[in-house]
């Protein structure tokens, strides 16, 4: 009987530890993820805490708004462009990270800076 009680206690402890691990694991809904949203005219990548369908729908709208409102020519490359999509303002500017061979346009939601769109040609 003592042996059975020890196994039962060990099982309860193991189950408790597993439950504690599951409950304490980071399931932060606000954590951003990168989503590949395809290429309407540019390759679009969304970084968002929202689901992929919502994030990509917004990202494509941001890409289209930027494409229509971006200043033309080389002088426009360094310019910051602000676009409005679904009531939110997005600030877009070309970036050239040190670890990336190709520049890209980075658009950031001004009211929620964890929401970003990267545009690659």
N, C-alpha and C. Protein backbone atom coordinates (compact mmCIF):
# COMPACT_ATOMS: atom_id res chain seq x y z
N UNK A 1 0.82 -1.19 0.00
CA UNK A 1 0.00 0.00 0.00
C UNK A 1 0.86 1.25 0.00
N UNK A 2 1.92 1.19 0.74
CA UNK A 2 2.82 2.31 0.79
C UNK A 2 3.39 2.61 -0.59
N UNK A 3 3.70 1.55 -1.34
CA UNK A 3 4.24 1.71 -2.68
C UNK A 3 3.23 2.36 -3.61
N UNK A 4 1.99 1.96 -3.56
CA UNK A 4 0.93 2.54 -4.39
C UNK A 4 0.73 4.00 -4.04
N UNK A 5 0.74 4.31 -2.78
CA UNK A 5 0.57 5.69 -2.33
C UNK A 5 1.69 6.57 -2.86
N UNK A 6 2.89 6.06 -2.86
CA UNK A 6 4.03 6.82 -3.37
C UNK A 6 3.86 7.08 -4.86
N UNK A 7 3.43 6.07 -5.63
CA UNK A 7 3.21 6.26 -7.06
C UNK A 7 2.09 7.25 -7.29
N UNK A 8 1.04 7.15 -6.52
CA UNK A 8 -0.08 8.08 -6.67
C UNK A 8 0.38 9.49 -6.34
N UNK A 9 1.16 9.63 -5.29
CA UNK A 9 1.67 10.95 -4.92
C UNK A 9 2.60 11.48 -6.00
N UNK A 10 3.45 10.61 -6.53
CA UNK A 10 4.36 11.04 -7.59
C UNK A 10 3.57 11.45 -8.83
N UNK A 11 2.51 10.70 -9.15
CA UNK A 11 1.69 11.03 -10.30
C UNK A 11 0.99 12.37 -10.09
N UNK A 12 0.49 12.58 -8.89
CA UNK A 12 -0.18 13.85 -8.58
C UNK A 12 0.82 15.00 -8.66
N UNK A 13 2.02 14.79 -8.11
CA UNK A 13 3.05 15.82 -8.18
C UNK A 13 3.46 16.09 -9.63
N UNK A 14 3.63 15.03 -10.40
CA UNK A 14 4.01 15.20 -11.81
C UNK A 14 2.91 15.94 -12.57
N UNK A 15 1.66 15.57 -12.32
CA UNK A 15 0.54 16.25 -12.98
C UNK A 15 0.48 17.70 -12.54
N UNK A 16 0.72 17.95 -11.26
CA UNK A 16 0.73 19.32 -10.76
C UNK A 16 1.85 20.13 -11.39
N UNK A 17 3.02 19.54 -11.54
CA UNK A 17 4.14 20.23 -12.16
C UNK A 17 3.84 20.52 -13.62
N UNK A 18 3.25 19.54 -14.32
CA UNK A 18 2.88 19.73 -15.71
C UNK A 18 1.85 20.84 -15.84
N UNK A 19 0.84 20.83 -14.97
CA UNK A 19 -0.18 21.87 -15.00
C UNK A 19 0.44 23.23 -14.73
N UNK A 20 1.34 23.28 -13.75
CA UNK A 20 2.00 24.55 -13.43
C UNK A 20 2.82 25.03 -14.62
N UNK A 21 3.48 24.11 -15.29
CA UNK A 21 4.29 24.49 -16.45
C UNK A 21 3.41 25.01 -17.57
N UNK A 22 2.32 24.33 -17.84
CA UNK A 22 1.41 24.75 -18.91
C UNK A 22 0.80 26.10 -18.58
N UNK A 23 0.36 26.28 -17.33
CA UNK A 23 -0.27 27.53 -16.95
C UNK A 23 0.70 28.70 -16.94
N UNK A 24 1.97 28.42 -16.62
CA UNK A 24 2.91 29.51 -16.54
C UNK A 24 3.68 29.74 -17.84
N UNK A 25 3.44 28.90 -18.85
CA UNK A 25 4.15 29.09 -20.11
C UNK A 25 3.67 30.37 -20.78
N UNK A 26 4.56 31.05 -21.47
CA UNK A 26 4.18 32.33 -22.05
C UNK A 26 3.21 32.14 -23.21
N UNK A 27 1.99 32.48 -22.99
CA UNK A 27 0.99 32.47 -24.07
C UNK A 27 0.54 33.90 -24.27
N UNK A 28 1.52 34.78 -24.36
CA UNK A 28 1.28 36.20 -24.48
C UNK A 28 0.63 36.50 -25.83
N UNK A 29 -0.65 36.87 -25.79
CA UNK A 29 -1.39 37.15 -27.02
C UNK A 29 -0.86 38.39 -27.72
N UNK A 30 -0.11 39.23 -27.01
CA UNK A 30 0.39 40.44 -27.63
C UNK A 30 1.75 40.24 -28.30
N UNK A 31 2.29 39.05 -28.27
CA UNK A 31 3.58 38.78 -28.92
C UNK A 31 3.41 38.87 -30.43
N UNK A 32 4.29 39.61 -31.05
CA UNK A 32 4.21 39.79 -32.50
C UNK A 32 4.83 38.63 -33.23
N UNK A 33 4.29 38.35 -34.40
CA UNK A 33 4.82 37.32 -35.29
C UNK A 33 4.99 37.93 -36.67
N UNK A 34 5.91 37.37 -37.45
CA UNK A 34 6.06 37.78 -38.84
C UNK A 34 5.21 36.87 -39.72
N UNK A 35 4.48 37.50 -40.66
CA UNK A 35 3.66 36.76 -41.61
C UNK A 35 4.05 37.16 -43.03
N UNK A 36 4.26 36.18 -43.88
CA UNK A 36 4.52 36.43 -45.28
C UNK A 36 3.16 36.62 -45.95
N UNK A 37 2.93 37.81 -46.47
CA UNK A 37 1.60 38.15 -47.02
C UNK A 37 1.56 38.17 -48.54
N UNK A 38 2.60 37.71 -49.19
CA UNK A 38 2.58 37.62 -50.64
C UNK A 38 3.07 38.88 -51.31
N UNK A 39 2.74 39.00 -52.58
CA UNK A 39 3.28 40.08 -53.40
C UNK A 39 2.23 40.69 -54.32
N UNK A 40 1.45 41.67 -53.86
CA UNK A 40 0.53 42.32 -54.78
C UNK A 40 1.33 43.10 -55.85
N UNK A 41 2.22 43.98 -55.44
CA UNK A 41 3.16 44.64 -56.35
C UNK A 41 4.55 44.65 -55.71
N UNK A 42 4.60 44.46 -54.42
CA UNK A 42 5.83 44.34 -53.64
C UNK A 42 5.68 43.12 -52.75
N UNK A 43 6.80 42.59 -52.28
CA UNK A 43 6.73 41.49 -51.32
C UNK A 43 6.38 42.10 -49.96
N UNK A 44 5.31 41.63 -49.35
CA UNK A 44 4.79 42.23 -48.12
C UNK A 44 4.96 41.26 -46.95
N UNK A 45 5.55 41.76 -45.86
CA UNK A 45 5.70 41.00 -44.62
C UNK A 45 5.08 41.81 -43.50
N UNK A 46 4.15 41.20 -42.77
CA UNK A 46 3.50 41.87 -41.64
C UNK A 46 4.09 41.35 -40.34
N UNK A 47 4.34 42.25 -39.42
CA UNK A 47 4.70 41.87 -38.05
C UNK A 47 3.54 42.34 -37.20
N UNK A 48 2.86 41.37 -36.55
CA UNK A 48 1.63 41.73 -35.85
C UNK A 48 1.32 40.73 -34.75
N UNK A 49 0.54 41.18 -33.80
CA UNK A 49 0.04 40.29 -32.75
C UNK A 49 -1.32 39.73 -33.15
N UNK A 50 -1.84 40.18 -34.27
CA UNK A 50 -3.13 39.70 -34.77
C UNK A 50 -2.95 38.40 -35.56
N UNK A 51 -4.05 37.78 -35.92
CA UNK A 51 -3.97 36.56 -36.72
C UNK A 51 -3.50 36.91 -38.14
N UNK A 52 -3.04 35.92 -38.87
CA UNK A 52 -2.44 36.15 -40.19
C UNK A 52 -3.40 36.81 -41.16
N UNK A 53 -4.64 36.37 -41.21
CA UNK A 53 -5.60 36.93 -42.17
C UNK A 53 -5.79 38.43 -41.92
N UNK A 54 -5.97 38.81 -40.66
CA UNK A 54 -6.18 40.22 -40.31
C UNK A 54 -4.91 41.02 -40.56
N UNK A 55 -3.77 40.48 -40.12
CA UNK A 55 -2.50 41.19 -40.28
C UNK A 55 -2.17 41.40 -41.75
N UNK A 56 -2.36 40.39 -42.57
CA UNK A 56 -2.04 40.50 -43.99
C UNK A 56 -3.01 41.42 -44.73
N UNK A 57 -4.27 41.38 -44.37
CA UNK A 57 -5.24 42.28 -45.00
C UNK A 57 -4.83 43.74 -44.75
N UNK A 58 -4.46 44.04 -43.53
CA UNK A 58 -4.01 45.39 -43.19
C UNK A 58 -2.70 45.71 -43.89
N UNK A 59 -1.76 44.77 -43.88
CA UNK A 59 -0.45 45.00 -44.49
C UNK A 59 -0.56 45.30 -45.98
N UNK A 60 -1.42 44.59 -46.68
CA UNK A 60 -1.60 44.83 -48.11
C UNK A 60 -2.21 46.22 -48.34
N UNK A 61 -3.14 46.63 -47.48
CA UNK A 61 -3.71 47.99 -47.59
C UNK A 61 -2.63 49.04 -47.35
N UNK A 62 -1.76 48.80 -46.36
CA UNK A 62 -0.67 49.73 -46.08
C UNK A 62 0.27 49.80 -47.30
N UNK A 63 0.59 48.65 -47.87
CA UNK A 63 1.48 48.60 -49.05
C UNK A 63 0.87 49.38 -50.21
N UNK A 64 -0.41 49.18 -50.45
CA UNK A 64 -1.07 49.88 -51.56
C UNK A 64 -1.11 51.39 -51.30
N UNK A 65 -1.41 51.79 -50.06
CA UNK A 65 -1.46 53.21 -49.72
C UNK A 65 -0.07 53.84 -49.86
N UNK A 66 0.96 53.11 -49.41
CA UNK A 66 2.33 53.62 -49.54
C UNK A 66 2.70 53.75 -51.01
N UNK A 67 2.39 52.72 -51.80
CA UNK A 67 2.74 52.72 -53.22
C UNK A 67 2.11 53.90 -53.93
N UNK A 68 0.86 54.23 -53.58
CA UNK A 68 0.16 55.35 -54.22
C UNK A 68 0.67 56.70 -53.71
N UNK A 69 1.15 56.76 -52.46
CA UNK A 69 1.53 58.04 -51.89
C UNK A 69 3.01 58.30 -51.76
N UNK A 70 3.84 57.35 -52.13
CA UNK A 70 5.29 57.51 -51.97
C UNK A 70 5.82 58.55 -52.94
N UNK A 71 6.74 59.38 -52.49
CA UNK A 71 7.34 60.35 -53.40
C UNK A 71 8.13 59.64 -54.49
N UNK A 72 8.05 60.13 -55.72
CA UNK A 72 8.77 59.47 -56.82
C UNK A 72 10.26 59.76 -56.80
N UNK A 73 11.01 58.88 -57.42
CA UNK A 73 12.42 59.12 -57.67
C UNK A 73 13.35 58.90 -56.49
N UNK A 74 14.65 59.06 -56.76
CA UNK A 74 15.66 58.80 -55.74
C UNK A 74 15.54 59.70 -54.52
N UNK A 75 15.11 60.94 -54.71
CA UNK A 75 14.95 61.85 -53.58
C UNK A 75 13.88 61.36 -52.63
N UNK A 76 12.94 60.61 -53.15
CA UNK A 76 11.84 60.10 -52.32
C UNK A 76 12.23 58.91 -51.49
N UNK A 77 13.37 58.28 -51.82
CA UNK A 77 13.77 57.07 -51.09
C UNK A 77 13.97 57.32 -49.60
N UNK A 78 14.56 58.46 -49.24
CA UNK A 78 14.86 58.73 -47.84
C UNK A 78 13.70 59.42 -47.12
N UNK A 79 12.70 59.82 -47.88
CA UNK A 79 11.59 60.56 -47.30
C UNK A 79 10.70 59.65 -46.45
N UNK A 80 10.10 60.26 -45.46
CA UNK A 80 9.12 59.55 -44.65
C UNK A 80 7.75 59.84 -45.24
N UNK A 81 6.99 58.81 -45.45
CA UNK A 81 5.63 58.93 -45.98
C UNK A 81 4.66 58.46 -44.92
N UNK A 82 3.62 59.21 -44.70
CA UNK A 82 2.58 58.81 -43.75
C UNK A 82 1.33 58.45 -44.53
N UNK A 83 0.80 57.28 -44.24
CA UNK A 83 -0.44 56.83 -44.89
C UNK A 83 -1.46 56.50 -43.81
N UNK A 84 -2.72 56.55 -44.20
CA UNK A 84 -3.79 56.21 -43.25
C UNK A 84 -4.54 55.00 -43.78
N UNK A 85 -4.67 53.98 -42.92
CA UNK A 85 -5.34 52.74 -43.28
C UNK A 85 -6.27 52.35 -42.13
N UNK A 86 -7.54 52.18 -42.43
CA UNK A 86 -8.53 51.76 -41.43
C UNK A 86 -8.48 52.63 -40.17
N UNK A 87 -8.31 53.93 -40.36
CA UNK A 87 -8.31 54.87 -39.24
C UNK A 87 -6.99 54.99 -38.50
N UNK A 88 -5.99 54.23 -38.86
CA UNK A 88 -4.68 54.29 -38.20
C UNK A 88 -3.67 54.94 -39.13
N UNK A 89 -2.78 55.75 -38.56
CA UNK A 89 -1.71 56.36 -39.34
C UNK A 89 -0.47 55.46 -39.26
N UNK A 90 0.16 55.29 -40.41
CA UNK A 90 1.37 54.49 -40.53
C UNK A 90 2.47 55.39 -41.09
N UNK A 91 3.64 55.34 -40.47
CA UNK A 91 4.79 56.08 -40.96
C UNK A 91 5.72 55.12 -41.68
N UNK A 92 6.06 55.44 -42.92
CA UNK A 92 6.88 54.55 -43.75
C UNK A 92 8.18 55.25 -44.15
N UNK A 93 9.28 54.50 -44.06
CA UNK A 93 10.58 55.03 -44.45
C UNK A 93 11.47 53.88 -44.89
N UNK A 94 12.33 54.16 -45.87
CA UNK A 94 13.24 53.13 -46.35
C UNK A 94 14.29 52.82 -45.29
N UNK A 95 14.61 51.53 -45.16
CA UNK A 95 15.62 51.06 -44.20
C UNK A 95 16.65 50.21 -44.94
N UNK A 96 17.89 50.30 -44.49
CA UNK A 96 18.96 49.47 -45.02
C UNK A 96 19.69 48.87 -43.82
N UNK A 97 19.19 47.75 -43.28
CA UNK A 97 19.87 47.13 -42.14
C UNK A 97 21.27 46.66 -42.53
N UNK A 98 22.18 46.69 -41.57
CA UNK A 98 23.55 46.25 -41.82
C UNK A 98 23.63 44.79 -42.24
N UNK A 99 22.72 43.97 -41.71
CA UNK A 99 22.79 42.53 -41.97
C UNK A 99 21.92 42.09 -43.15
N UNK A 100 21.36 43.05 -43.91
CA UNK A 100 20.51 42.70 -45.05
C UNK A 100 21.06 43.35 -46.32
N UNK A 101 21.16 42.57 -47.40
CA UNK A 101 21.74 43.11 -48.63
C UNK A 101 20.81 44.10 -49.35
N UNK A 102 19.51 43.94 -49.16
CA UNK A 102 18.56 44.77 -49.89
C UNK A 102 17.81 45.70 -48.95
N UNK A 103 17.65 46.95 -49.37
CA UNK A 103 16.84 47.85 -48.54
C UNK A 103 15.36 47.45 -48.61
N UNK A 104 14.62 47.91 -47.65
CA UNK A 104 13.18 47.68 -47.66
C UNK A 104 12.48 48.89 -47.07
N UNK A 105 11.22 49.01 -47.35
CA UNK A 105 10.40 50.06 -46.77
C UNK A 105 9.82 49.51 -45.47
N UNK A 106 9.92 50.27 -44.39
CA UNK A 106 9.36 49.86 -43.11
C UNK A 106 8.25 50.83 -42.76
N UNK A 107 7.06 50.30 -42.55
CA UNK A 107 5.91 51.10 -42.14
C UNK A 107 5.52 50.68 -40.74
N UNK A 108 5.34 51.66 -39.86
CA UNK A 108 5.03 51.39 -38.46
C UNK A 108 3.72 52.08 -38.11
N UNK A 109 2.83 51.34 -37.46
CA UNK A 109 1.56 51.90 -36.98
C UNK A 109 1.90 52.89 -35.86
N UNK A 110 1.53 54.15 -36.04
CA UNK A 110 1.92 55.18 -35.08
C UNK A 110 1.20 55.05 -33.74
N UNK A 111 0.09 54.35 -33.69
CA UNK A 111 -0.61 54.17 -32.42
C UNK A 111 -0.26 52.84 -31.75
N UNK A 112 0.42 51.95 -32.47
CA UNK A 112 0.81 50.66 -31.91
C UNK A 112 2.07 50.20 -32.64
N UNK A 113 3.23 50.63 -32.14
CA UNK A 113 4.48 50.43 -32.90
C UNK A 113 4.92 48.98 -33.04
N UNK A 114 4.26 48.05 -32.35
CA UNK A 114 4.57 46.63 -32.56
C UNK A 114 3.95 46.11 -33.85
N UNK A 115 3.02 46.88 -34.42
CA UNK A 115 2.40 46.52 -35.71
C UNK A 115 3.23 47.16 -36.82
N UNK A 116 3.89 46.33 -37.63
CA UNK A 116 4.78 46.85 -38.66
C UNK A 116 4.56 46.11 -39.97
N UNK A 117 4.91 46.78 -41.06
CA UNK A 117 4.84 46.19 -42.39
C UNK A 117 6.18 46.47 -43.07
N UNK A 118 6.76 45.41 -43.62
CA UNK A 118 7.99 45.57 -44.40
C UNK A 118 7.66 45.27 -45.86
N UNK A 119 8.17 46.14 -46.74
CA UNK A 119 7.90 46.01 -48.17
C UNK A 119 9.23 45.83 -48.89
N UNK A 120 9.31 44.78 -49.68
CA UNK A 120 10.52 44.46 -50.45
C UNK A 120 10.20 44.49 -51.92
N UNK A 121 11.13 45.02 -52.73
CA UNK A 121 10.90 45.03 -54.18
C UNK A 121 11.48 43.80 -54.80
